[in-house]
Each structure stands twice: as C-alpha cells, then as structure tokens.
C-alpha cells in the first residue's frame, strides 16, 4: 500500500460513501424485499445494490486489490489466502 496515494484512497472512499448514502436515502421510503442470510441476519435489495456499486467501483479503479464484502459469499478463500501480500480493502 506504500505506493498508493492515501489522499487519493480517502477521496475515492469518501465519494463512494456519498454515492452509497444517496442510494440508501432514496430507497429508505420504498417498500422492502427482505432476504435472510441467517435466522436473524437480514439483507435488503438496497444492501445488495449498494454493495454491487461499491464492489464494482473498487474493481474498476483498483483491479489488483483484494477485498471482502459482507453480502457476497466468499467463494475464493484459498485464492484469497494465497494473495495476502496484495493490497487489501475491507468493506
């Protein structure tokens, strides 16, 4: 991560957070379709849409970075563990 500009990362993350907030705010008053990830762990379409937006933006801007996202099942655990030396963003 030493080769990355921390201000650039900050600005990028802040922009994504603002976009996500706008998407969540717009969906707040809409009817919800709720799925269950577990007995008491709920996920809405908005949760999934916001995560897709954030993941897509990170993949586009930083294609070599690895990250773990909450709503997506982690399918490549072995690959992930073999790449721990790569830059890692947790969202």
PDB file of N, CA and C in Angstrom:
ATOM      1  N   UNK A   1       0.819  -1.188   0.000  1.00  0.00           N
ATOM      2  CA  UNK A   1       0.000   0.000   0.000  1.00  0.00           C
ATOM      3  C   UNK A   1       0.866   1.256   0.000  1.00  0.00           C
ATOM      4  N   UNK A   2       2.146   1.109   0.216  1.00  0.00           N
ATOM      5  CA  UNK A   2       3.004   2.273   0.280  1.00  0.00           C
ATOM      6  C   UNK A   2       3.079   3.030  -1.043  1.00  0.00           C
ATOM      7  N   UNK A   3       2.811   2.361  -2.154  1.00  0.00           N
ATOM      8  CA  UNK A   3       2.849   3.019  -3.454  1.00  0.00           C
ATOM      9  C   UNK A   3       1.577   3.807  -3.747  1.00  0.00           C
ATOM     10  N   UNK A   4       0.566   3.631  -2.927  1.00  0.00           N
ATOM     11  CA  UNK A   4      -0.704   4.307  -3.167  1.00  0.00           C
ATOM     12  C   UNK A   4      -0.739   5.646  -2.458  1.00  0.00           C
ATOM     13  N   UNK A   5      -1.408   6.580  -3.076  1.00  0.00           N
ATOM     14  CA  UNK A   5      -1.607   7.896  -2.500  1.00  0.00           C
ATOM     15  C   UNK A   5      -2.779   7.810  -1.513  1.00  0.00           C
ATOM     16  N   UNK A   6      -2.508   7.993  -0.232  1.00  0.00           N
ATOM     17  CA  UNK A   6      -3.554   7.865   0.783  1.00  0.00           C
ATOM     18  C   UNK A   6      -4.649   8.904   0.608  1.00  0.00           C
ATOM     19  N   UNK A   7      -4.308  10.096   0.144  1.00  0.00           N
ATOM     20  CA  UNK A   7      -5.341  11.108  -0.096  1.00  0.00           C
ATOM     21  C   UNK A   7      -6.263  10.658  -1.225  1.00  0.00           C
ATOM     22  N   UNK A   8      -5.673  10.044  -2.265  1.00  0.00           N
ATOM     23  CA  UNK A   8      -6.482   9.527  -3.370  1.00  0.00           C
ATOM     24  C   UNK A   8      -7.426   8.433  -2.868  1.00  0.00           C
ATOM     25  N   UNK A   9      -6.922   7.527  -2.041  1.00  0.00           N
ATOM     26  CA  UNK A   9      -7.782   6.478  -1.475  1.00  0.00           C
ATOM     27  C   UNK A   9      -8.894   7.078  -0.626  1.00  0.00           C
ATOM     28  N   UNK A  10      -8.549   8.060   0.188  1.00  0.00           N
ATOM     29  CA  UNK A  10      -9.538   8.736   1.029  1.00  0.00           C
ATOM     30  C   UNK A  10     -10.631   9.366   0.180  1.00  0.00           C
ATOM     31  N   UNK A  11     -10.216  10.119  -0.832  1.00  0.00           N
ATOM     32  CA  UNK A  11     -11.181  10.809  -1.691  1.00  0.00           C
ATOM     33  C   UNK A  11     -12.076   9.824  -2.431  1.00  0.00           C
ATOM     34  N   UNK A  12     -11.470   8.737  -2.903  1.00  0.00           N
ATOM     35  CA  UNK A  12     -12.242   7.704  -3.598  1.00  0.00           C
ATOM     36  C   UNK A  12     -13.260   7.074  -2.659  1.00  0.00           C
ATOM     37  N   UNK A  13     -12.817   6.702  -1.450  1.00  0.00           N
ATOM     38  CA  UNK A  13     -13.719   6.084  -0.469  1.00  0.00           C
ATOM     39  C   UNK A  13     -14.822   7.048  -0.052  1.00  0.00           C
ATOM     40  N   UNK A  14     -14.482   8.303   0.143  1.00  0.00           N
ATOM     41  CA  UNK A  14     -15.476   9.306   0.528  1.00  0.00           C
ATOM     42  C   UNK A  14     -16.525   9.480  -0.571  1.00  0.00           C
ATOM     43  N   UNK A  15     -16.073   9.519  -1.818  1.00  0.00           N
ATOM     44  CA  UNK A  15     -17.020   9.616  -2.930  1.00  0.00           C
ATOM     45  C   UNK A  15     -17.957   8.421  -3.002  1.00  0.00           C
ATOM     46  N   UNK A  16     -17.399   7.232  -2.796  1.00  0.00           N
ATOM     47  CA  UNK A  16     -18.241   6.024  -2.790  1.00  0.00           C
ATOM     48  C   UNK A  16     -19.242   6.057  -1.640  1.00  0.00           C
ATOM     49  N   UNK A  17     -18.786   6.496  -0.481  1.00  0.00           N
ATOM     50  CA  UNK A  17     -19.683   6.569   0.675  1.00  0.00           C
ATOM     51  C   UNK A  17     -20.832   7.537   0.413  1.00  0.00           C
ATOM     52  N   UNK A  18     -20.547   8.650  -0.218  1.00  0.00           N
ATOM     53  CA  UNK A  18     -21.600   9.621  -0.534  1.00  0.00           C
ATOM     54  C   UNK A  18     -22.590   9.042  -1.548  1.00  0.00           C
ATOM     55  N   UNK A  19     -22.079   8.336  -2.561  1.00  0.00           N
ATOM     56  CA  UNK A  19     -22.964   7.696  -3.539  1.00  0.00           C
ATOM     57  C   UNK A  19     -23.831   6.634  -2.863  1.00  0.00           C
ATOM     58  N   UNK A  20     -23.215   5.840  -2.000  1.00  0.00           N
ATOM     59  CA  UNK A  20     -23.960   4.798  -1.286  1.00  0.00           C
ATOM     60  C   UNK A  20     -25.033   5.420  -0.397  1.00  0.00           C
ATOM     61  N   UNK A  21     -24.676   6.486   0.291  1.00  0.00           N
ATOM     62  CA  UNK A  21     -25.645   7.171   1.149  1.00  0.00           C
ATOM     63  C   UNK A  21     -26.828   7.701   0.369  1.00  0.00           C
ATOM     64  N   UNK A  22     -26.563   8.257  -0.798  1.00  0.00           N
ATOM     65  CA  UNK A  22     -27.653   8.777  -1.636  1.00  0.00           C
ATOM     66  C   UNK A  22     -28.572   7.643  -2.084  1.00  0.00           C
ATOM     67  N   UNK A  23     -27.977   6.512  -2.447  1.00  0.00           N
ATOM     68  CA  UNK A  23     -28.766   5.360  -2.886  1.00  0.00           C
ATOM     69  C   UNK A  23     -29.617   4.817  -1.734  1.00  0.00           C
ATOM     70  N   UNK A  24     -29.027   4.733  -0.548  1.00  0.00           N
ATOM     71  CA  UNK A  24     -29.756   4.246   0.636  1.00  0.00           C
ATOM     72  C   UNK A  24     -30.871   5.211   1.016  1.00  0.00           C
ATOM     73  N   UNK A  25     -30.575   6.504   0.988  1.00  0.00           N
ATOM     74  CA  UNK A  25     -31.578   7.519   1.336  1.00  0.00           C
ATOM     75  C   UNK A  25     -32.764   7.466   0.377  1.00  0.00           C
ATOM     76  N   UNK A  26     -32.485   7.319  -0.910  1.00  0.00           N
ATOM     77  CA  UNK A  26     -33.570   7.260  -1.905  1.00  0.00           C
ATOM     78  C   UNK A  26     -34.434   6.027  -1.713  1.00  0.00           C
ATOM     79  N   UNK A  27     -33.833   4.924  -1.274  1.00  0.00           N
ATOM     80  CA  UNK A  27     -34.570   3.671  -1.121  1.00  0.00           C
ATOM     81  C   UNK A  27     -35.274   3.561   0.231  1.00  0.00           C
ATOM     82  N   UNK A  28     -34.949   4.456   1.152  1.00  0.00           N
ATOM     83  CA  UNK A  28     -35.467   4.348   2.516  1.00  0.00           C
ATOM     84  C   UNK A  28     -36.990   4.336   2.581  1.00  0.00           C
ATOM     85  N   UNK A  29     -37.635   5.129   1.751  1.00  0.00           N
ATOM     86  CA  UNK A  29     -39.094   5.257   1.805  1.00  0.00           C
ATOM     87  C   UNK A  29     -39.803   4.225   0.923  1.00  0.00           C
ATOM     88  N   UNK A  30     -39.054   3.434   0.190  1.00  0.00           N
ATOM     89  CA  UNK A  30     -39.646   2.444  -0.708  1.00  0.00           C
ATOM     90  C   UNK A  30     -39.949   1.143   0.033  1.00  0.00           C
ATOM     91  N   UNK A  31     -40.909   0.364  -0.469  1.00  0.00           N
ATOM     92  CA  UNK A  31     -41.167  -0.951   0.129  1.00  0.00           C
ATOM     93  C   UNK A  31     -39.903  -1.821   0.038  1.00  0.00           C
ATOM     94  N   UNK A  32     -39.727  -2.681   1.011  1.00  0.00           N
ATOM     95  CA  UNK A  32     -38.517  -3.504   1.091  1.00  0.00           C
ATOM     96  C   UNK A  32     -38.813  -4.966   0.746  1.00  0.00           C
ATOM     97  N   UNK A  33     -37.920  -5.562  -0.015  1.00  0.00           N
ATOM     98  CA  UNK A  33     -37.893  -7.012  -0.198  1.00  0.00           C
ATOM     99  C   UNK A  33     -36.730  -7.512   0.639  1.00  0.00           C
ATOM    100  N   UNK A  34     -37.035  -8.321   1.621  1.00  0.00           N
ATOM    101  CA  UNK A  34     -36.028  -8.753   2.585  1.00  0.00           C
ATOM    102  C   UNK A  34     -35.723 -10.227   2.409  1.00  0.00           C
ATOM    103  N   UNK A  35     -34.443 -10.542   2.342  1.00  0.00           N
ATOM    104  CA  UNK A  35     -33.967 -11.928   2.347  1.00  0.00           C
ATOM    105  C   UNK A  35     -33.289 -12.177   3.680  1.00  0.00           C
ATOM    106  N   UNK A  36     -33.112 -13.431   3.985  1.00  0.00           N
ATOM    107  CA  UNK A  36     -32.444 -13.820   5.225  1.00  0.00           C
ATOM    108  C   UNK A  36     -31.145 -14.532   4.897  1.00  0.00           C
ATOM    109  N   UNK A  37     -30.041 -14.048   5.503  1.00  0.00           N
ATOM    110  CA  UNK A  37     -28.755 -14.722   5.372  1.00  0.00           C
ATOM    111  C   UNK A  37     -28.611 -15.748   6.484  1.00  0.00           C
ATOM    112  N   UNK A  38     -29.371 -15.595   7.499  1.00  0.00           N
ATOM    113  CA  UNK A  38     -29.386 -16.476   8.662  1.00  0.00           C
ATOM    114  C   UNK A  38     -30.716 -16.284   9.354  1.00  0.00           C
ATOM    115  N   UNK A  39     -30.876 -16.870  10.529  1.00  0.00           N
ATOM    116  CA  UNK A  39     -32.157 -16.753  11.234  1.00  0.00           C
ATOM    117  C   UNK A  39     -32.545 -15.312  11.513  1.00  0.00           C
ATOM    118  N   UNK A  40     -31.580 -14.507  11.898  1.00  0.00           N
ATOM    119  CA  UNK A  40     -31.892 -13.115  12.248  1.00  0.00           C
ATOM    120  C   UNK A  40     -31.043 -12.109  11.471  1.00  0.00           C
ATOM    121  N   UNK A  41     -30.360 -12.559  10.457  1.00  0.00           N
ATOM    122  CA  UNK A  41     -29.489 -11.686   9.667  1.00  0.00           C
ATOM    123  C   UNK A  41     -30.199 -11.340   8.362  1.00  0.00           C
ATOM    124  N   UNK A  42     -30.686 -10.108   8.272  1.00  0.00           N
ATOM    125  CA  UNK A  42     -31.496  -9.669   7.134  1.00  0.00           C
ATOM    126  C   UNK A  42     -30.649  -8.934   6.105  1.00  0.00           C
ATOM    127  N   UNK A  43     -31.062  -9.034   4.845  1.00  0.00           N
ATOM    128  CA  UNK A  43     -30.414  -8.277   3.774  1.00  0.00           C
ATOM    129  C   UNK A  43     -31.503  -7.810   2.800  1.00  0.00           C
ATOM    130  N   UNK A  44     -31.431  -6.547   2.417  1.00  0.00           N
ATOM    131  CA  UNK A  44     -32.428  -5.986   1.504  1.00  0.00           C
ATOM    132  C   UNK A  44     -31.837  -5.853   0.105  1.00  0.00           C
ATOM    133  N   UNK A  45     -32.714  -5.581  -0.856  1.00  0.00           N
ATOM    134  CA  UNK A  45     -32.255  -5.315  -2.221  1.00  0.00           C
ATOM    135  C   UNK A  45     -31.322  -4.102  -2.242  1.00  0.00           C
ATOM    136  N   UNK A  46     -31.617  -3.135  -1.388  1.00  0.00           N
ATOM    137  CA  UNK A  46     -30.772  -1.947  -1.315  1.00  0.00           C
ATOM    138  C   UNK A  46     -29.373  -2.313  -0.821  1.00  0.00           C
ATOM    139  N   UNK A  47     -29.293  -3.177   0.194  1.00  0.00           N
ATOM    140  CA  UNK A  47     -27.985  -3.640   0.679  1.00  0.00           C
ATOM    141  C   UNK A  47     -27.175  -4.232  -0.465  1.00  0.00           C
ATOM    142  N   UNK A  48     -27.814  -5.096  -1.224  1.00  0.00           N
ATOM    143  CA  UNK A  48     -27.136  -5.771  -2.338  1.00  0.00           C
ATOM    144  C   UNK A  48     -26.738  -4.776  -3.434  1.00  0.00           C
ATOM    145  N   UNK A  49     -27.645  -3.849  -3.756  1.00  0.00           N
ATOM    146  CA  UNK A  49     -27.369  -2.873  -4.825  1.00  0.00           C
ATOM    147  C   UNK A  49     -26.215  -1.948  -4.449  1.00  0.00           C
ATOM    148  N   UNK A  50     -26.202  -1.497  -3.195  1.00  0.00           N
ATOM    149  CA  UNK A  50     -25.129  -0.614  -2.748  1.00  0.00           C
ATOM    150  C   UNK A  50     -23.802  -1.366  -2.752  1.00  0.00           C
ATOM    151  N   UNK A  51     -23.817  -2.596  -2.262  1.00  0.00           N
ATOM    152  CA  UNK A  51     -22.584  -3.371  -2.277  1.00  0.00           C
ATOM    153  C   UNK A  51     -22.092  -3.611  -3.699  1.00  0.00           C
ATOM    154  N   UNK A  52     -22.998  -3.929  -4.607  1.00  0.00           N
ATOM    155  CA  UNK A  52     -22.606  -4.125  -6.014  1.00  0.00           C
ATOM    156  C   UNK A  52     -21.965  -2.862  -6.580  1.00  0.00           C
ATOM    157  N   UNK A  53     -22.537  -1.706  -6.256  1.00  0.00           N
ATOM    158  CA  UNK A  53     -21.990  -0.443  -6.727  1.00  0.00           C
ATOM    159  C   UNK A  53     -20.573  -0.228  -6.176  1.00  0.00           C
ATOM    160  N   UNK A  54     -20.404  -0.446  -4.877  1.00  0.00           N
ATOM    161  CA  UNK A  54     -19.107  -0.223  -4.237  1.00  0.00           C
ATOM    162  C   UNK A  54     -18.072  -1.216  -4.764  1.00  0.00           C
ATOM    163  N   UNK A  55     -18.436  -2.485  -4.824  1.00  0.00           N
ATOM    164  CA  UNK A  55     -17.518  -3.517  -5.314  1.00  0.00           C
ATOM    165  C   UNK A  55     -17.122  -3.230  -6.767  1.00  0.00           C
ATOM    166  N   UNK A  56     -18.095  -2.874  -7.595  1.00  0.00           N
ATOM    167  CA  UNK A  56     -17.812  -2.566  -8.992  1.00  0.00           C
ATOM    168  C   UNK A  56     -16.862  -1.393  -9.142  1.00  0.00           C
ATOM    169  N   UNK A  57     -17.063  -0.361  -8.336  1.00  0.00           N
ATOM    170  CA  UNK A  57     -16.199   0.819  -8.403  1.00  0.00           C
ATOM    171  C   UNK A  57     -14.777   0.482  -7.957  1.00  0.00           C
ATOM    172  N   UNK A  58     -14.651  -0.312  -6.896  1.00  0.00           N
ATOM    173  CA  UNK A  58     -13.319  -0.700  -6.425  1.00  0.00           C
ATOM    174  C   UNK A  58     -12.618  -1.563  -7.467  1.00  0.00           C
ATOM    175  N   UNK A  59     -13.347  -2.535  -8.022  1.00  0.00           N
ATOM    176  CA  UNK A  59     -12.743  -3.396  -9.053  1.00  0.00           C
ATOM    177  C   UNK A  59     -12.278  -2.583 -10.262  1.00  0.00           C
ATOM    178  N   UNK A  60     -13.068  -1.582 -10.646  1.00  0.00           N
ATOM    179  CA  UNK A  60     -12.714  -0.769 -11.808  1.00  0.00           C
ATOM    180  C   UNK A  60     -11.494   0.105 -11.535  1.00  0.00           C
ATOM    181  N   UNK A  61     -11.414   0.692 -10.358  1.00  0.00           N
ATOM    182  CA  UNK A  61     -10.330   1.622 -10.044  1.00  0.00           C
ATOM    183  C   UNK A  61      -9.062   0.903  -9.576  1.00  0.00           C
ATOM    184  N   UNK A  62      -9.240  -0.184  -8.832  1.00  0.00           N
ATOM    185  CA  UNK A  62      -8.095  -0.909  -8.261  1.00  0.00           C
ATOM    186  C   UNK A  62      -8.225  -2.403  -8.568  1.00  0.00           C
ATOM    187  N   UNK A  63      -8.055  -2.797  -9.819  1.00  0.00           N
ATOM    188  CA  UNK A  63      -8.303  -4.190 -10.213  1.00  0.00           C
ATOM    189  C   UNK A  63      -7.387  -5.218  -9.544  1.00  0.00           C
ATOM    190  N   UNK A  64      -6.242  -4.799  -9.021  1.00  0.00           N
ATOM    191  CA  UNK A  64      -5.328  -5.740  -8.374  1.00  0.00           C
ATOM    192  C   UNK A  64      -5.578  -5.885  -6.876  1.00  0.00           C
ATOM    193  N   UNK A  65      -6.504  -5.113  -6.342  1.00  0.00           N
ATOM    194  CA  UNK A  65      -6.776  -5.180  -4.911  1.00  0.00           C
ATOM    195  C   UNK A  65      -7.719  -6.329  -4.599  1.00  0.00           C
ATOM    196  N   UNK A  66      -7.533  -6.892  -3.433  1.00  0.00           N
ATOM    197  CA  UNK A  66      -8.450  -7.903  -2.911  1.00  0.00           C
ATOM    198  C   UNK A  66      -9.312  -7.240  -1.848  1.00  0.00           C
ATOM    199  N   UNK A  67     -10.536  -7.697  -1.713  1.00  0.00           N
ATOM    200  CA  UNK A  67     -11.398  -7.159  -0.677  1.00  0.00           C
ATOM    201  C   UNK A  67     -12.442  -8.191  -0.313  1.00  0.00           C
ATOM    202  N   UNK A  68     -13.018  -8.021   0.857  1.00  0.00           N
ATOM    203  CA  UNK A  68     -14.074  -8.891   1.351  1.00  0.00           C
ATOM    204  C   UNK A  68     -15.297  -8.012   1.547  1.00  0.00           C
ATOM    205  N   UNK A  69     -16.429  -8.435   1.025  1.00  0.00           N
ATOM    206  CA  UNK A  69     -17.670  -7.674   1.147  1.00  0.00           C
ATOM    207  C   UNK A  69     -18.684  -8.496   1.941  1.00  0.00           C
ATOM    208  N   UNK A  70     -19.528  -7.834   2.697  1.00  0.00           N
ATOM    209  CA  UNK A  70     -20.420  -8.505   3.633  1.00  0.00           C
ATOM    210  C   UNK A  70     -21.497  -9.362   2.976  1.00  0.00           C
ATOM    211  N   UNK A  71     -22.178  -8.862   1.965  1.00  0.00           N
ATOM    212  CA  UNK A  71     -23.354  -9.554   1.445  1.00  0.00           C
ATOM    213  C   UNK A  71     -23.029 -10.652   0.434  1.00  0.00           C
ATOM    214  N   UNK A  72     -21.810 -10.694  -0.050  1.00  0.00           N
ATOM    215  CA  UNK A  72     -21.416 -11.679  -1.052  1.00  0.00           C
ATOM    216  C   UNK A  72     -20.686 -12.828  -0.365  1.00  0.00           C
ATOM    217  N   UNK A  73     -21.086 -14.048  -0.682  1.00  0.00           N
ATOM    218  CA  UNK A  73     -20.378 -15.197  -0.116  1.00  0.00           C
ATOM    219  C   UNK A  73     -18.961 -15.220  -0.675  1.00  0.00           C
ATOM    220  N   UNK A  74     -18.002 -15.526   0.170  1.00  0.00           N
ATOM    221  CA  UNK A  74     -16.605 -15.538  -0.233  1.00  0.00           C
ATOM    222  C   UNK A  74     -16.286 -16.892  -0.847  1.00  0.00           C
ATOM    223  N   UNK A  75     -16.189 -16.936  -2.174  1.00  0.00           N
ATOM    224  CA  UNK A  75     -16.036 -18.191  -2.902  1.00  0.00           C
ATOM    225  C   UNK A  75     -14.592 -18.581  -3.152  1.00  0.00           C
ATOM    226  N   UNK A  76     -13.685 -17.662  -3.009  1.00  0.00           N
ATOM    227  CA  UNK A  76     -12.288 -17.915  -3.389  1.00  0.00           C
ATOM    228  C   UNK A  76     -11.376 -17.836  -2.177  1.00  0.00           C
ATOM    229  N   UNK A  77     -11.717 -18.492  -1.101  1.00  0.00           N
ATOM    230  CA  UNK A  77     -10.948 -18.396   0.132  1.00  0.00           C
ATOM    231  C   UNK A  77      -9.495 -18.817  -0.062  1.00  0.00           C
ATOM    232  N   UNK A  78      -9.264 -19.913  -0.739  1.00  0.00           N
ATOM    233  CA  UNK A  78      -7.888 -20.367  -0.928  1.00  0.00           C
ATOM    234  C   UNK A  78      -7.085 -19.372  -1.749  1.00  0.00           C
ATOM    235  N   UNK A  79      -7.696 -18.823  -2.803  1.00  0.00           N
ATOM    236  CA  UNK A  79      -7.013 -17.808  -3.597  1.00  0.00           C
ATOM    237  C   UNK A  79      -6.715 -16.586  -2.739  1.00  0.00           C
ATOM    238  N   UNK A  80      -7.683 -16.186  -1.956  1.00  0.00           N
ATOM    239  CA  UNK A  80      -7.519 -15.042  -1.074  1.00  0.00           C
ATOM    240  C   UNK A  80      -6.339 -15.257  -0.126  1.00  0.00           C
ATOM    241  N   UNK A  81      -6.297 -16.409   0.503  1.00  0.00           N
ATOM    242  CA  UNK A  81      -5.222 -16.687   1.455  1.00  0.00           C
ATOM    243  C   UNK A  81      -3.859 -16.722   0.775  1.00  0.00           C
ATOM    244  N   UNK A  82      -3.829 -17.130  -0.470  1.00  0.00           N
ATOM    245  CA  UNK A  82      -2.553 -17.180  -1.181  1.00  0.00           C
ATOM    246  C   UNK A  82      -2.093 -15.798  -1.638  1.00  0.00           C
ATOM    247  N   UNK A  83      -2.974 -14.812  -1.566  1.00  0.00           N
ATOM    248  CA  UNK A  83      -2.660 -13.467  -2.067  1.00  0.00           C
ATOM    249  C   UNK A  83      -2.607 -12.429  -0.947  1.00  0.00           C
ATOM    250  N   UNK A  84      -2.372 -12.853   0.266  1.00  0.00           N
ATOM    251  CA  UNK A  84      -2.420 -11.902   1.378  1.00  0.00           C
ATOM    252  C   UNK A  84      -1.389 -10.792   1.273  1.00  0.00           C
ATOM    253  N   UNK A  85      -0.389 -10.965   0.458  1.00  0.00           N
ATOM    254  CA  UNK A  85       0.608  -9.902   0.323  1.00  0.00           C
ATOM    255  C   UNK A  85       0.098  -8.759  -0.556  1.00  0.00           C
ATOM    256  N   UNK A  86      -0.998  -8.971  -1.266  1.00  0.00           N
ATOM    257  CA  UNK A  86      -1.579  -7.917  -2.116  1.00  0.00           C
ATOM    258  C   UNK A  86      -2.272  -6.872  -1.245  1.00  0.00           C
ATOM    259  N   UNK A  87      -2.567  -5.741  -1.818  1.00  0.00           N
ATOM    260  CA  UNK A  87      -3.315  -4.716  -1.098  1.00  0.00           C
ATOM    261  C   UNK A  87      -4.699  -5.258  -0.762  1.00  0.00           C
ATOM    262  N   UNK A  88      -5.211  -4.951   0.401  1.00  0.00           N
ATOM    263  CA  UNK A  88      -6.484  -5.488   0.865  1.00  0.00           C
ATOM    264  C   UNK A  88      -7.355  -4.371   1.379  1.00  0.00           C
ATOM    265  N   UNK A  89      -8.576  -4.289   0.866  1.00  0.00           N
ATOM    266  CA  UNK A  89      -9.560  -3.351   1.352  1.00  0.00           C
ATOM    267  C   UNK A  89     -10.720  -4.135   1.930  1.00  0.00           C
ATOM    268  N   UNK A  90     -11.127  -3.831   3.146  1.00  0.00           N
ATOM    269  CA  UNK A  90     -12.284  -4.484   3.750  1.00  0.00           C
ATOM    270  C   UNK A  90     -13.443  -3.504   3.708  1.00  0.00           C
ATOM    271  N   UNK A  91     -14.573  -3.953   3.143  1.00  0.00           N
ATOM    272  CA  UNK A  91     -15.744  -3.084   3.095  1.00  0.00           C
ATOM    273  C   UNK A  91     -16.901  -3.755   3.784  1.00  0.00           C
TER     274      UNK A  91
END
